Amino acid sequence: MPVFGQKNTAVYKDGEFLSYRMSYSGFLRAGTATLEIFEEEYNGKKVFHSIGKGWTTGMIKWFFEVDDTYESYFDKNIVKPYLFKRKINEGGYKKHRITSFNYTSNTAYVQDFLNQKDTIISIKNIQDMLSSFYFLRNTDAKKLKEGDEIKLDMFLDSQVYPFKLKFIGKEVLRTRFGKLNTLVFRPIVQSGRVFKEEESVTIWISDDENKIPVKLKASLAVGSLRADLENYRGLLAPLEKVK
């Protein structure tokens, strides 16, 4: 598994763009989610700047509107975050925070713009929500065995959360782009208000050089949520299809 501070194995590159169709309870289009990444400079360092967006569409938007934007600036050569931005509106539940990570003092400086409050938190070997995604894509899947868990500490909302991703196995998956070899994972989530059980979420990752998510299914406390890769461009390598 990848470790904090290791060299980035670069399964993604400048200009990668992923778009997902979100569906509720298997048939109702709920919205769209996108992820894109760019090479930039931040405080004199070469970084990847990732932007993740999600928004509701159609009937779902009538009674529960979502408009979320996440941004992460993380080291291009060593996968660790420098800056994380979160601005969300989920059915009127709003947050607007910017977190700066300082590895000299091992602290995270959190600016909460809605509550007009600043907080400093001690950190060590952490990832933010978006950098975690790219950090995990660098896992050497060839060494994984069924039941293995990948662990990291994720920083969110002024707290550090232990995160675990369990490897389930391999599967040939039918997609709109053809059949793909995939790696199947289950993140260990907190059961209760949102998810039915700790292993309510399943993710299919392309088993090729790109390691991109192609499908996600989640059993919610009410109904289910599904995300399917709808469009992509700028991948490191062509998406490998099963002939």
Foldseek 3Di string as FASTA:
>chain_A
DDFAFAWQPDQAAAWKKFKKFKAFQPDHTFWMKMKHWHWDDDPNATWIKMKIWIWGDDPNCVQWTKTKIKIFTAHNTGLATAKIWIFIQIRNDTWTKIWGADPVQQWIWIQTVVVRDIDIAHHDQEHEPVSVVSSVLRDPCVPDDAQDKDWGWYDDPRDTDIKIKGWHAWDFDQAPVATFIWTKIFIQDDDDQWAPHRRQKMWTFGPDSNRHTAKMKGHTPPTIMIIGTDDIDRGPDDRDHDD
